[in-house]
Amino acid sequence: MSGEARTEGLIDAEKLARWMDDRDLPGKGSPVELEFVSGGASNEIFEIRRGDARLALRRPPRKVPKGRNETMLREYRVLDALKDTDVPHSRVLGVCDDPSLFGACFYLMEFVDGWSCMNLDGWPAPFDEDLEARKGLAWELVDAIAKLGQVDWGAKGLEGFGKPDGFHERQVDRWYAHLKGFQFREIPGLDEAGTWLRAHKPKVYAPGIIHGDYQFANVMFRHGGPARMAAVVDWEMATVGDPLLDLAWVVMGWPNPDEDRSETAYVDYTGMPSREELLERYAKTSGLPVDEIDYYVILARFKMAIVLEGGYARFVKGGADNPKMAAFGDVVLDMARRASELVRTTPL
């Protein structure tokens, strides 16, 4: 689908201009220019140019899944709370909580001048050849969530944003309840992981903001070296919970040094730090213990299997715009299988 076709029916330039003018947002009085940037499995992003202003608009897809408008508002809330922190993020400028304007809620934020590995074929220079510079990308990835988990979320107005009390006690039932809303097939290994998670809880738990889907795919870096993160993006799974779950999201697919690190995922891990080095870096930066990381990896795989199954179920039933969701079917089965395999090898 062309960029123009992706924009049609999702955003109206004149309506958006009036909405922005009413809120004294940048570029007041100038015409709005729209350009489609990307469409993920669950959201659409458009570049907005108005006068000298360059912004980004984020909204749900054309077929708005149940609860996605509320998710937009949550994303805006957490990004607004992160202002004046050292967590890399795009500054938000305004939010529309009235779906009648464009058929969905949306928000505007500053346009991030950077790159994402999801929009490139391989690492850009200098990270394509300089392995020491490439290692810096990993340090930036871990440092950002170490900082995120240390933000004083209560002081930032996020009381009630999540339910940190009893966070781990609720996880398995909460995600099973989510799965029940769309389940249409068996997922081998999922129940084994769920049973183990119910019986094993972390000994230490310090609540903090978590991204919920943290990986290279959901961050942007600044152009050129050395590695500098520009922004963490795609906050739709954010909540207040256990920050170590974000760390698990990073390391659960991180290849060991003795593996072929160029073919194990959507990025080339050649030259990257080891899993143990990442854990050590996070522990030093955040002050949190990482000795129970296997629990968090099992939980992350359990959760990811269910989340992706939701997208795959929508695709199977014809309720999703993005054909890439077809690939989720096998990924779900792999996640559940790997969660159950780790259960069998994790010491009690």
C-alpha atoms as a PDB file:
ATOM      1  CA  MET A   1       0.000   0.000   0.000  1.00  0.00           C
ATOM      2  CA  SER A   2       1.444   3.400  -0.981  1.00  0.00           C
ATOM      3  CA  GLY A   3       2.167   6.104   1.579  1.00  0.00           C
ATOM      4  CA  GLU A   4      -0.614   8.255   0.125  1.00  0.00           C
ATOM      5  CA  ALA A   5      -3.098   5.395   0.436  1.00  0.00           C
ATOM      6  CA  ARG A   6      -1.975   4.768   4.027  1.00  0.00           C
ATOM      7  CA  THR A   7      -2.667   8.414   4.860  1.00  0.00           C
ATOM      8  CA  GLU A   8      -6.075   8.623   3.175  1.00  0.00           C
ATOM      9  CA  GLY A   9      -8.902   8.214   5.647  1.00  0.00           C
ATOM     10  CA  LEU A  10      -6.538   8.156   8.629  1.00  0.00           C
ATOM     11  CA  ILE A  11      -5.576  11.836   8.839  1.00  0.00           C
ATOM     12  CA  ASP A  12      -7.111  14.943   7.300  1.00  0.00           C
ATOM     13  CA  ALA A  13      -4.556  17.763   6.947  1.00  0.00           C
ATOM     14  CA  GLU A  14      -7.064  20.596   7.306  1.00  0.00           C
ATOM     15  CA  LYS A  15      -8.755  19.091  10.349  1.00  0.00           C
ATOM     16  CA  LEU A  16      -5.388  18.431  11.930  1.00  0.00           C
ATOM     17  CA  ALA A  17      -4.314  22.034  11.283  1.00  0.00           C
ATOM     18  CA  ARG A  18      -7.416  23.362  13.031  1.00  0.00           C
ATOM     19  CA  TRP A  19      -6.919  20.970  15.940  1.00  0.00           C
ATOM     20  CA  MET A  20      -3.288  22.088  16.281  1.00  0.00           C
ATOM     21  CA  ASP A  21      -4.199  25.774  16.042  1.00  0.00           C
ATOM     22  CA  ASP A  22      -6.734  25.401  18.845  1.00  0.00           C
ATOM     23  CA  ARG A  23      -3.893  24.182  21.053  1.00  0.00           C
ATOM     24  CA  ASP A  24      -1.240  26.678  19.926  1.00  0.00           C
ATOM     25  CA  LEU A  25       1.021  23.891  18.685  1.00  0.00           C
ATOM     26  CA  PRO A  26       4.071  24.590  16.475  1.00  0.00           C
ATOM     27  CA  GLY A  27       3.517  25.950  12.973  1.00  0.00           C
ATOM     28  CA  LYS A  28       0.270  27.743  13.755  1.00  0.00           C
ATOM     29  CA  GLY A  29      -1.312  29.207  10.632  1.00  0.00           C
ATOM     30  CA  SER A  30       0.816  27.216   8.175  1.00  0.00           C
ATOM     31  CA  PRO A  31      -0.553  24.358   6.036  1.00  0.00           C
ATOM     32  CA  VAL A  32      -0.002  20.806   7.257  1.00  0.00           C
ATOM     33  CA  GLU A  33       2.005  18.400   5.100  1.00  0.00           C
ATOM     34  CA  LEU A  34       1.600  14.666   5.761  1.00  0.00           C
ATOM     35  CA  GLU A  35       3.855  11.751   4.954  1.00  0.00           C
ATOM     36  CA  PHE A  36       3.468   8.112   5.963  1.00  0.00           C
ATOM     37  CA  VAL A  37       6.548   6.881   7.865  1.00  0.00           C
ATOM     38  CA  SER A  38       5.811   3.360   9.005  1.00  0.00           C
ATOM     39  CA  GLY A  39       3.073   0.998  10.058  1.00  0.00           C
ATOM     40  CA  GLY A  40       3.835  -1.640  12.625  1.00  0.00           C
ATOM     41  CA  ALA A  41       1.710  -4.566  13.639  1.00  0.00           C
ATOM     42  CA  SER A  42      -0.415  -2.310  15.793  1.00  0.00           C
ATOM     43  CA  ASN A  43       0.136   1.401  15.044  1.00  0.00           C
ATOM     44  CA  GLU A  44       0.752   3.923  12.259  1.00  0.00           C
ATOM     45  CA  ILE A  45       3.271   6.787  12.322  1.00  0.00           C
ATOM     46  CA  PHE A  46       3.139   9.866  10.113  1.00  0.00           C
ATOM     47  CA  GLU A  47       5.551  12.735   9.673  1.00  0.00           C
ATOM     48  CA  ILE A  48       3.891  16.139  10.075  1.00  0.00           C
ATOM     49  CA  ARG A  49       5.587  19.194   8.560  1.00  0.00           C
ATOM     50  CA  ARG A  50       4.179  22.600   9.354  1.00  0.00           C
ATOM     51  CA  GLY A  51       6.224  25.706   8.805  1.00  0.00           C
ATOM     52  CA  ASP A  52       9.586  25.052  10.435  1.00  0.00           C
ATOM     53  CA  ALA A  53       8.118  22.368  12.679  1.00  0.00           C
ATOM     54  CA  ARG A  54       8.757  18.679  12.061  1.00  0.00           C
ATOM     55  CA  LEU A  55       6.579  16.413  14.178  1.00  0.00           C
ATOM     56  CA  ALA A  56       5.376  12.820  14.310  1.00  0.00           C
ATOM     57  CA  LEU A  57       1.785  11.651  14.736  1.00  0.00           C
ATOM     58  CA  ARG A  58       1.076   8.205  16.167  1.00  0.00           C
ATOM     59  CA  ARG A  59      -2.328   6.516  15.932  1.00  0.00           C
ATOM     60  CA  PRO A  60      -3.867   3.030  15.766  1.00  0.00           C
ATOM     61  CA  PRO A  61      -4.343   1.269  12.411  1.00  0.00           C
ATOM     62  CA  ARG A  62      -7.391   1.722  10.211  1.00  0.00           C
ATOM     63  CA  LYS A  63      -9.154  -1.195  11.898  1.00  0.00           C
ATOM     64  CA  VAL A  64      -8.819  -0.059  15.512  1.00  0.00           C
ATOM     65  CA  PRO A  65      -8.450  -3.074  17.844  1.00  0.00           C
ATOM     66  CA  LYS A  66     -10.432  -3.073  21.050  1.00  0.00           C
ATOM     67  CA  GLY A  67      -8.715  -1.021  23.743  1.00  0.00           C
ATOM     68  CA  ARG A  68      -6.179   0.559  21.387  1.00  0.00           C
ATOM     69  CA  ASN A  69      -7.531   4.097  21.834  1.00  0.00           C
ATOM     70  CA  GLU A  70      -7.008   3.760  25.562  1.00  0.00           C
ATOM     71  CA  THR A  71      -3.491   2.506  24.855  1.00  0.00           C
ATOM     72  CA  MET A  72      -2.750   5.674  22.878  1.00  0.00           C
ATOM     73  CA  LEU A  73      -3.681   7.761  25.887  1.00  0.00           C
ATOM     74  CA  ARG A  74      -1.489   5.614  28.155  1.00  0.00           C
ATOM     75  CA  GLU A  75       1.456   6.025  25.791  1.00  0.00           C
ATOM     76  CA  TYR A  76       1.048   9.780  25.878  1.00  0.00           C
ATOM     77  CA  ARG A  77       0.805   9.786  29.648  1.00  0.00           C
ATOM     78  CA  VAL A  78       4.041   7.869  30.212  1.00  0.00           C
ATOM     79  CA  LEU A  79       5.943   9.912  27.622  1.00  0.00           C
ATOM     80  CA  ASP A  80       4.709  13.122  29.204  1.00  0.00           C
ATOM     81  CA  ALA A  81       5.884  11.824  32.589  1.00  0.00           C
ATOM     82  CA  LEU A  82       9.385  11.215  31.213  1.00  0.00           C
ATOM     83  CA  LYS A  83      10.027  14.873  30.387  1.00  0.00           C
ATOM     84  CA  ASP A  84      13.026  16.289  32.249  1.00  0.00           C
ATOM     85  CA  THR A  85      14.441  12.789  32.846  1.00  0.00           C
ATOM     86  CA  ASP A  86      17.588  11.250  31.355  1.00  0.00           C
ATOM     87  CA  VAL A  87      15.578   8.517  29.619  1.00  0.00           C
ATOM     88  CA  PRO A  88      15.890   8.935  25.820  1.00  0.00           C
ATOM     89  CA  HIS A  89      12.419   9.654  24.447  1.00  0.00           C
ATOM     90  CA  SER A  90      10.511  11.880  22.058  1.00  0.00           C
ATOM     91  CA  ARG A  91       8.902  14.900  23.743  1.00  0.00           C
ATOM     92  CA  VAL A  92       5.130  14.826  23.364  1.00  0.00           C
ATOM     93  CA  LEU A  93       3.261  17.996  22.410  1.00  0.00           C
ATOM     94  CA  GLY A  94      -0.429  17.143  22.373  1.00  0.00           C
ATOM     95  CA  VAL A  95      -2.964  14.335  22.518  1.00  0.00           C
ATOM     96  CA  CYS A  96      -6.456  13.875  21.060  1.00  0.00           C
ATOM     97  CA  ASP A  97      -8.754  11.744  23.202  1.00  0.00           C
ATOM     98  CA  ASP A  98     -11.730  12.178  20.833  1.00  0.00           C
ATOM     99  CA  PRO A  99     -11.847   9.265  18.330  1.00  0.00           C
ATOM    100  CA  SER A 100     -14.482  11.027  16.245  1.00  0.00           C
ATOM    101  CA  LEU A 101     -11.905  13.367  14.654  1.00  0.00           C
ATOM    102  CA  PHE A 102      -9.965  10.698  12.734  1.00  0.00           C
ATOM    103  CA  GLY A 103     -11.612   7.492  13.888  1.00  0.00           C
ATOM    104  CA  ALA A 104      -9.058   6.949  16.650  1.00  0.00           C
ATOM    105  CA  CYS A 105      -7.154   8.713  19.406  1.00  0.00           C
ATOM    106  CA  PHE A 106      -3.696  10.007  18.520  1.00  0.00           C
ATOM    107  CA  TYR A 107      -0.854  12.095  19.845  1.00  0.00           C
ATOM    108  CA  LEU A 108       1.816  14.408  18.447  1.00  0.00           C
ATOM    109  CA  MET A 109       5.485  14.329  19.420  1.00  0.00           C
ATOM    110  CA  GLU A 110       8.767  15.738  18.241  1.00  0.00           C
ATOM    111  CA  PHE A 111      10.168  13.980  15.191  1.00  0.00           C
ATOM    112  CA  VAL A 112      13.199  11.877  16.124  1.00  0.00           C
ATOM    113  CA  ASP A 113      16.166  12.489  13.843  1.00  0.00           C
ATOM    114  CA  GLY A 114      17.776   9.077  13.968  1.00  0.00           C
ATOM    115  CA  TRP A 115      17.728   5.554  12.626  1.00  0.00           C
ATOM    116  CA  SER A 116      16.057   2.283  13.512  1.00  0.00           C
ATOM    117  CA  CYS A 117      17.447  -1.123  12.647  1.00  0.00           C
ATOM    118  CA  MET A 118      13.943  -2.073  11.470  1.00  0.00           C
ATOM    119  CA  ASN A 119      14.208   0.367   8.576  1.00  0.00           C
ATOM    120  CA  LEU A 120      17.681  -0.689   7.412  1.00  0.00           C
ATOM    121  CA  ASP A 121      19.356  -3.695   5.825  1.00  0.00           C
ATOM    122  CA  GLY A 122      22.173  -4.162   8.296  1.00  0.00           C
ATOM    123  CA  TRP A 123      23.915  -1.738  10.649  1.00  0.00           C
ATOM    124  CA  PRO A 124      24.699   1.739   9.246  1.00  0.00           C
ATOM    125  CA  ALA A 125      28.210   3.227   9.307  1.00  0.00           C
ATOM    126  CA  PRO A 126      30.267   3.157  11.430  1.00  0.00           C
ATOM    127  CA  PHE A 127      28.568   0.203  13.122  1.00  0.00           C
ATOM    128  CA  ASP A 128      28.704  -1.956  10.009  1.00  0.00           C
ATOM    129  CA  GLU A 129      32.510  -2.381  10.200  1.00  0.00           C
ATOM    130  CA  ASP A 130      33.660  -0.976  13.554  1.00  0.00           C
ATOM    131  CA  LEU A 131      32.809  -3.732  16.042  1.00  0.00           C
ATOM    132  CA  GLU A 132      33.888  -1.665  19.041  1.00  0.00           C
ATOM    133  CA  ALA A 133      31.447   1.063  17.986  1.00  0.00           C
ATOM    134  CA  ARG A 134      28.775  -1.611  17.485  1.00  0.00           C
ATOM    135  CA  LYS A 135      29.303  -2.802  21.055  1.00  0.00           C
ATOM    136  CA  GLY A 136      28.292   0.688  22.149  1.00  0.00           C
ATOM    137  CA  LEU A 137      24.806   0.129  20.732  1.00  0.00           C
ATOM    138  CA  ALA A 138      24.325  -2.684  23.246  1.00  0.00           C
ATOM    139  CA  TRP A 139      25.541  -0.559  26.158  1.00  0.00           C
ATOM    140  CA  GLU A 140      23.143   2.213  25.146  1.00  0.00           C
ATOM    141  CA  LEU A 141      20.306  -0.314  24.908  1.00  0.00           C
ATOM    142  CA  VAL A 142      20.876  -1.575  28.448  1.00  0.00           C
ATOM    143  CA  ASP A 143      21.630   1.822  29.985  1.00  0.00           C
ATOM    144  CA  ALA A 144      18.332   3.290  28.779  1.00  0.00           C
ATOM    145  CA  ILE A 145      16.184   0.763  30.663  1.00  0.00           C
ATOM    146  CA  ALA A 146      18.442   0.953  33.701  1.00  0.00           C
ATOM    147  CA  LYS A 147      17.624   4.678  33.767  1.00  0.00           C
ATOM    148  CA  LEU A 148      13.931   4.085  33.037  1.00  0.00           C
ATOM    149  CA  GLY A 149      13.505   1.727  35.969  1.00  0.00           C
ATOM    150  CA  GLN A 150      14.998   4.313  38.334  1.00  0.00           C
ATOM    151  CA  VAL A 151      12.578   7.144  37.455  1.00  0.00           C
ATOM    152  CA  ASP A 152      10.488   8.193  40.459  1.00  0.00           C
ATOM    153  CA  TRP A 153       7.184   7.278  38.846  1.00  0.00           C
ATOM    154  CA  GLY A 154       5.085   8.474  41.763  1.00  0.00           C
ATOM    155  CA  ALA A 155       6.643  11.927  41.672  1.00  0.00           C
ATOM    156  CA  LYS A 156       6.097  11.986  37.898  1.00  0.00           C
ATOM    157  CA  GLY A 157       2.337  11.619  38.263  1.00  0.00           C
ATOM    158  CA  LEU A 158       2.046   7.925  37.388  1.00  0.00           C
ATOM    159  CA  GLU A 159       0.142   6.820  40.470  1.00  0.00           C
ATOM    160  CA  GLY A 160      -2.551   4.469  39.204  1.00  0.00           C
ATOM    161  CA  PHE A 161      -0.795   3.988  35.850  1.00  0.00           C
ATOM    162  CA  GLY A 162      -0.087   0.403  36.808  1.00  0.00           C
ATOM    163  CA  LYS A 163      -0.682  -1.920  39.744  1.00  0.00           C
ATOM    164  CA  PRO A 164       2.757  -2.569  41.205  1.00  0.00           C
ATOM    165  CA  ASP A 165       1.401  -4.251  44.354  1.00  0.00           C
ATOM    166  CA  GLY A 166       1.071  -7.960  43.655  1.00  0.00           C
ATOM    167  CA  PHE A 167       2.592  -7.514  40.200  1.00  0.00           C
ATOM    168  CA  HIS A 168       4.126 -10.989  40.001  1.00  0.00           C
ATOM    169  CA  GLU A 169       1.191 -12.695  41.704  1.00  0.00           C
ATOM    170  CA  ARG A 170      -1.103 -11.461  38.910  1.00  0.00           C
ATOM    171  CA  GLN A 171       1.019 -12.053  35.818  1.00  0.00           C
ATOM    172  CA  VAL A 172       0.016 -15.573  34.803  1.00  0.00           C
ATOM    173  CA  ASP A 173      -3.724 -15.104  35.406  1.00  0.00           C
ATOM    174  CA  ARG A 174      -3.679 -11.676  33.766  1.00  0.00           C
ATOM    175  CA  TRP A 175      -2.162 -13.010  30.534  1.00  0.00           C
ATOM    176  CA  TYR A 176      -4.287 -16.147  30.502  1.00  0.00           C
ATOM    177  CA  ALA A 177      -7.354 -13.915  30.756  1.00  0.00           C
ATOM    178  CA  HIS A 178      -6.042 -11.900  27.806  1.00  0.00           C
ATOM    179  CA  LEU A 179      -5.473 -15.067  25.786  1.00  0.00           C
ATOM    180  CA  LYS A 180      -8.981 -16.316  26.498  1.00  0.00           C
ATOM    181  CA  GLY A 181     -10.410 -13.420  24.489  1.00  0.00           C
ATOM    182  CA  PHE A 182      -9.018 -14.710  21.177  1.00  0.00           C
ATOM    183  CA  GLN A 183      -7.585 -18.211  21.665  1.00  0.00           C
ATOM    184  CA  PHE A 184      -8.309 -20.503  18.738  1.00  0.00           C
ATOM    185  CA  ARG A 185      -5.556 -23.148  18.966  1.00  0.00           C
ATOM    186  CA  GLU A 186      -3.335 -24.987  21.423  1.00  0.00           C
ATOM    187  CA  ILE A 187       0.069 -23.488  22.230  1.00  0.00           C
ATOM    188  CA  PRO A 188       2.369 -26.310  23.404  1.00  0.00           C
ATOM    189  CA  GLY A 189       4.621 -25.411  26.333  1.00  0.00           C
ATOM    190  CA  LEU A 190       2.605 -22.406  27.476  1.00  0.00           C
ATOM    191  CA  ASP A 191       0.913 -24.166  30.382  1.00  0.00           C
ATOM    192  CA  GLU A 192       4.188 -25.666  31.583  1.00  0.00           C
ATOM    193  CA  ALA A 193       5.670 -22.180  31.752  1.00  0.00           C
ATOM    194  CA  GLY A 194       2.568 -20.774  33.435  1.00  0.00           C
ATOM    195  CA  THR A 195       2.578 -23.439  36.131  1.00  0.00           C
ATOM    196  CA  TRP A 196       6.279 -22.838  36.875  1.00  0.00           C
ATOM    197  CA  LEU A 197       5.835 -19.067  37.045  1.00  0.00           C
ATOM    198  CA  ARG A 198       3.020 -19.403  39.569  1.00  0.00           C
ATOM    199  CA  ALA A 199       5.323 -21.396  41.844  1.00  0.00           C
ATOM    200  CA  HIS A 200       8.395 -19.148  41.593  1.00  0.00           C
ATOM    201  CA  LYS A 201       8.397 -15.468  42.490  1.00  0.00           C
ATOM    202  CA  PRO A 202      11.410 -13.125  42.737  1.00  0.00           C
ATOM    203  CA  LYS A 203      12.828 -12.638  46.213  1.00  0.00           C
ATOM    204  CA  VAL A 204      13.434  -8.925  45.559  1.00  0.00           C
ATOM    205  CA  TYR A 205      11.037  -6.595  43.760  1.00  0.00           C
ATOM    206  CA  ALA A 206      11.426  -2.819  43.377  1.00  0.00           C
ATOM    207  CA  PRO A 207       8.596  -1.280  41.269  1.00  0.00           C
ATOM    208  CA  GLY A 208       9.482   1.004  38.386  1.00  0.00           C
ATOM    209  CA  ILE A 209       8.361   2.059  34.911  1.00  0.00           C
ATOM    210  CA  ILE A 210       8.700  -0.731  32.359  1.00  0.00           C
ATOM    211  CA  HIS A 211       8.496  -0.432  28.593  1.00  0.00           C
ATOM    212  CA  GLY A 212       7.083  -3.926  28.128  1.00  0.00           C
ATOM    213  CA  ASP A 213       8.485  -4.715  24.654  1.00  0.00           C
ATOM    214  CA  TYR A 214      12.083  -3.602  24.933  1.00  0.00           C
ATOM    215  CA  GLN A 215      14.516  -4.564  22.170  1.00  0.00           C
ATOM    216  CA  PHE A 216      16.565  -3.101  19.319  1.00  0.00           C
ATOM    217  CA  ALA A 217      13.382  -2.949  17.225  1.00  0.00           C
ATOM    218  CA  ASN A 218      11.894  -0.366  19.595  1.00  0.00           C
ATOM    219  CA  VAL A 219      14.707   2.151  19.939  1.00  0.00           C
ATOM    220  CA  MET A 220      16.255   4.745  17.634  1.00  0.00           C
ATOM    221  CA  PHE A 221      19.887   5.851  17.560  1.00  0.00           C
ATOM    222  CA  ARG A 222      21.448   9.122  16.463  1.00  0.00           C
ATOM    223  CA  HIS A 223      23.304   9.194  13.171  1.00  0.00           C
ATOM    224  CA  GLY A 224      27.040   8.526  13.199  1.00  0.00           C
ATOM    225  CA  GLY A 225      29.333   7.346  15.954  1.00  0.00           C
ATOM    226  CA  PRO A 226      29.813   6.862  18.789  1.00  0.00           C
ATOM    227  CA  ALA A 227      26.592   5.061  19.697  1.00  0.00           C
ATOM    228  CA  ARG A 228      24.019   7.444  21.182  1.00  0.00           C
ATOM    229  CA  MET A 229      20.409   6.522  21.703  1.00  0.00           C
ATOM    230  CA  ALA A 230      17.960   9.095  20.372  1.00  0.00           C
ATOM    231  CA  ALA A 231      14.721   7.672  21.762  1.00  0.00           C
ATOM    232  CA  VAL A 232      12.939   4.635  23.087  1.00  0.00           C
ATOM    233  CA  VAL A 233       9.778   4.219  20.986  1.00  0.00           C
ATOM    234  CA  ASP A 234       6.565   2.158  20.878  1.00  0.00           C
ATOM    235  CA  TRP A 235       5.350   2.499  24.470  1.00  0.00           C
ATOM    236  CA  GLU A 236       2.040   0.651  24.064  1.00  0.00           C
ATOM    237  CA  MET A 237       2.950  -2.050  26.626  1.00  0.00           C
ATOM    238  CA  ALA A 238       4.294   0.383  29.244  1.00  0.00           C
ATOM    239  CA  THR A 239       3.188   0.120  32.857  1.00  0.00           C
ATOM    240  CA  VAL A 240       4.527   0.315  36.397  1.00  0.00           C
ATOM    241  CA  GLY A 241       5.838  -3.094  37.376  1.00  0.00           C
ATOM    242  CA  ASP A 242       9.155  -4.910  37.684  1.00  0.00           C
ATOM    243  CA  PRO A 243      11.907  -3.205  35.609  1.00  0.00           C
ATOM    244  CA  LEU A 244      13.847  -6.460  35.364  1.00  0.00           C
ATOM    245  CA  LEU A 245      11.241  -7.669  32.894  1.00  0.00           C
ATOM    246  CA  ASP A 246      12.620  -5.159  30.365  1.00  0.00           C
ATOM    247  CA  LEU A 247      16.106  -6.581  30.887  1.00  0.00           C
ATOM    248  CA  ALA A 248      14.729 -10.062  30.233  1.00  0.00           C
ATOM    249  CA  TRP A 249      13.189  -8.782  27.002  1.00  0.00           C
ATOM    250  CA  VAL A 250      16.688  -7.819  25.877  1.00  0.00           C
ATOM    251  CA  VAL A 251      18.589 -10.953  26.882  1.00  0.00           C
ATOM    252  CA  MET A 252      15.986 -13.637  26.112  1.00  0.00           C
ATOM    253  CA  GLY A 253      17.079 -13.777  22.480  1.00  0.00           C
ATOM    254  CA  TRP A 254      20.661 -12.602  22.920  1.00  0.00           C
ATOM    255  CA  PRO A 255      23.030 -15.145  21.313  1.00  0.00           C
ATOM    256  CA  ASN A 256      26.002 -16.614  23.137  1.00  0.00           C
ATOM    257  CA  PRO A 257      29.503 -15.740  21.836  1.00  0.00           C
ATOM    258  CA  ASP A 258      30.000 -19.324  20.608  1.00  0.00           C
ATOM    259  CA  GLU A 259      26.902 -19.118  18.373  1.00  0.00           C
ATOM    260  CA  ASP A 260      26.708 -17.685  14.853  1.00  0.00           C
ATOM    261  CA  ARG A 261      25.853 -14.187  15.963  1.00  0.00           C
ATOM    262  CA  SER A 262      25.061 -12.906  12.474  1.00  0.00           C
ATOM    263  CA  GLU A 263      22.093 -15.184  11.758  1.00  0.00           C
ATOM    264  CA  THR A 264      20.236 -15.579  15.054  1.00  0.00           C
ATOM    265  CA  ALA A 265      17.824 -12.638  14.863  1.00  0.00           C
ATOM    266  CA  TYR A 266      16.861  -9.534  12.895  1.00  0.00           C
ATOM    267  CA  VAL A 267      20.187  -7.826  13.711  1.00  0.00           C
ATOM    268  CA  ASP A 268      23.823  -8.941  13.443  1.00  0.00           C
ATOM    269  CA  TYR A 269      25.165  -9.484  16.983  1.00  0.00           C
ATOM    270  CA  THR A 270      28.761  -9.988  15.850  1.00  0.00           C
ATOM    271  CA  GLY A 271      31.032  -8.004  18.175  1.00  0.00           C
ATOM    272  CA  MET A 272      28.285  -7.395  20.732  1.00  0.00           C
ATOM    273  CA  PRO A 273      28.895  -7.975  24.474  1.00  0.00           C
ATOM    274  CA  SER A 274      27.983 -11.330  25.990  1.00  0.00           C
ATOM    275  CA  ARG A 275      24.758 -11.908  27.874  1.00  0.00           C
ATOM    276  CA  GLU A 276      26.718 -11.951  31.150  1.00  0.00           C
ATOM    277  CA  GLU A 277      28.332  -8.610  30.343  1.00  0.00           C
ATOM    278  CA  LEU A 278      24.912  -7.084  29.684  1.00  0.00           C
ATOM    279  CA  LEU A 279      23.615  -8.361  33.018  1.00  0.00           C
ATOM    280  CA  GLU A 280      26.681  -6.969  34.822  1.00  0.00           C
ATOM    281  CA  ARG A 281      26.267  -3.590  33.123  1.00  0.00           C
ATOM    282  CA  TYR A 282      22.584  -3.384  34.042  1.00  0.00           C
ATOM    283  CA  ALA A 283      23.221  -4.378  37.659  1.00  0.00           C
ATOM    284  CA  LYS A 284      25.957  -1.758  38.018  1.00  0.00           C
ATOM    285  CA  THR A 285      23.890   1.020  36.409  1.00  0.00           C
ATOM    286  CA  SER A 286      20.546   0.257  38.054  1.00  0.00           C
ATOM    287  CA  GLY A 287      21.631  -1.114  41.426  1.00  0.00           C
ATOM    288  CA  LEU A 288      19.191  -4.018  40.996  1.00  0.00           C
ATOM    289  CA  PRO A 289      20.131  -7.709  41.439  1.00  0.00           C
ATOM    290  CA  VAL A 290      20.023  -9.867  38.305  1.00  0.00           C
ATOM    291  CA  ASP A 291      20.620 -13.333  39.762  1.00  0.00           C
ATOM    292  CA  GLU A 292      16.993 -14.421  39.117  1.00  0.00           C
ATOM    293  CA  ILE A 293      16.998 -13.379  35.460  1.00  0.00           C
ATOM    294  CA  ASP A 294      15.796 -16.818  34.286  1.00  0.00           C
ATOM    295  CA  TYR A 295      12.431 -16.197  35.964  1.00  0.00           C
ATOM    296  CA  TYR A 296      12.060 -12.951  34.034  1.00  0.00           C
ATOM    297  CA  VAL A 297      13.069 -14.568  30.744  1.00  0.00           C
ATOM    298  CA  ILE A 298      10.463 -17.289  31.198  1.00  0.00           C
ATOM    299  CA  LEU A 299       7.854 -14.638  32.015  1.00  0.00           C
ATOM    300  CA  ALA A 300       8.897 -12.534  29.018  1.00  0.00           C
ATOM    301  CA  ARG A 301       8.583 -15.497  26.639  1.00  0.00           C
ATOM    302  CA  PHE A 302       5.243 -16.516  28.174  1.00  0.00           C
ATOM    303  CA  LYS A 303       3.934 -12.966  27.784  1.00  0.00           C
ATOM    304  CA  MET A 304       5.309 -12.463  24.272  1.00  0.00           C
ATOM    305  CA  ALA A 305       3.724 -15.702  23.074  1.00  0.00           C
ATOM    306  CA  ILE A 306       0.317 -14.507  24.223  1.00  0.00           C
ATOM    307  CA  VAL A 307       0.699 -10.926  22.968  1.00  0.00           C
ATOM    308  CA  LEU A 308       1.769 -12.059  19.487  1.00  0.00           C
ATOM    309  CA  GLU A 309      -0.967 -14.682  19.430  1.00  0.00           C
ATOM    310  CA  GLY A 310      -3.439 -11.821  19.753  1.00  0.00           C
ATOM    311  CA  GLY A 311      -2.059 -10.204  16.597  1.00  0.00           C
ATOM    312  CA  TYR A 312      -1.957 -13.537  14.785  1.00  0.00           C
ATOM    313  CA  ALA A 313      -5.548 -14.315  15.765  1.00  0.00           C
ATOM    314  CA  ARG A 314      -6.669 -10.960  14.335  1.00  0.00           C
ATOM    315  CA  PHE A 315      -4.818 -11.730  11.101  1.00  0.00           C
ATOM    316  CA  VAL A 316      -6.347 -15.202  10.795  1.00  0.00           C
ATOM    317  CA  LYS A 317      -9.821 -13.753  11.308  1.00  0.00           C
ATOM    318  CA  GLY A 318      -9.228 -10.965   8.768  1.00  0.00           C
ATOM    319  CA  GLY A 319      -9.175  -8.178  11.320  1.00  0.00           C
ATOM    320  CA  ALA A 320      -5.617  -6.919  10.743  1.00  0.00           C
ATOM    321  CA  ASP A 321      -4.239  -4.599   8.059  1.00  0.00           C
ATOM    322  CA  ASN A 322      -0.617  -5.726   8.278  1.00  0.00           C
ATOM    323  CA  PRO A 323       0.182  -8.945   6.346  1.00  0.00           C
ATOM    324  CA  LYS A 324       3.411  -9.309   8.345  1.00  0.00           C
ATOM    325  CA  MET A 325       1.276 -10.603  11.200  1.00  0.00           C
ATOM    326  CA  ALA A 326       1.108 -13.937   9.368  1.00  0.00           C
ATOM    327  CA  ALA A 327       4.648 -14.628  10.595  1.00  0.00           C
ATOM    328  CA  PHE A 328       3.530 -14.308  14.219  1.00  0.00           C
ATOM    329  CA  GLY A 329       2.023 -17.794  14.109  1.00  0.00           C
ATOM    330  CA  ASP A 330       5.370 -19.596  14.176  1.00  0.00           C
ATOM    331  CA  VAL A 331       7.000 -17.060  16.502  1.00  0.00           C
ATOM    332  CA  VAL A 332       4.302 -17.719  19.121  1.00  0.00           C
ATOM    333  CA  LEU A 333       4.976 -21.456  19.065  1.00  0.00           C
ATOM    334  CA  ASP A 334       8.733 -20.875  19.292  1.00  0.00           C
ATOM    335  CA  MET A 335       8.368 -18.509  22.267  1.00  0.00           C
ATOM    336  CA  ALA A 336       6.209 -20.968  24.204  1.00  0.00           C
ATOM    337  CA  ARG A 337       8.555 -23.839  23.398  1.00  0.00           C
ATOM    338  CA  ARG A 338      11.621 -21.918  24.556  1.00  0.00           C
ATOM    339  CA  ALA A 339       9.860 -20.828  27.757  1.00  0.00           C
ATOM    340  CA  SER A 340       9.072 -24.446  28.652  1.00  0.00           C
ATOM    341  CA  GLU A 341      12.624 -25.545  27.773  1.00  0.00           C
ATOM    342  CA  LEU A 342      14.098 -22.960  30.158  1.00  0.00           C
ATOM    343  CA  VAL A 343      11.711 -24.134  32.886  1.00  0.00           C
ATOM    344  CA  ARG A 344      13.242 -27.621  32.661  1.00  0.00           C
ATOM    345  CA  THR A 345      16.800 -26.334  32.977  1.00  0.00           C
ATOM    346  CA  THR A 346      16.324 -23.637  35.628  1.00  0.00           C
ATOM    347  CA  PRO A 347      17.401 -24.685  39.145  1.00  0.00           C
ATOM    348  CA  LEU A 348      14.617 -24.546  41.724  1.00  0.00           C
END
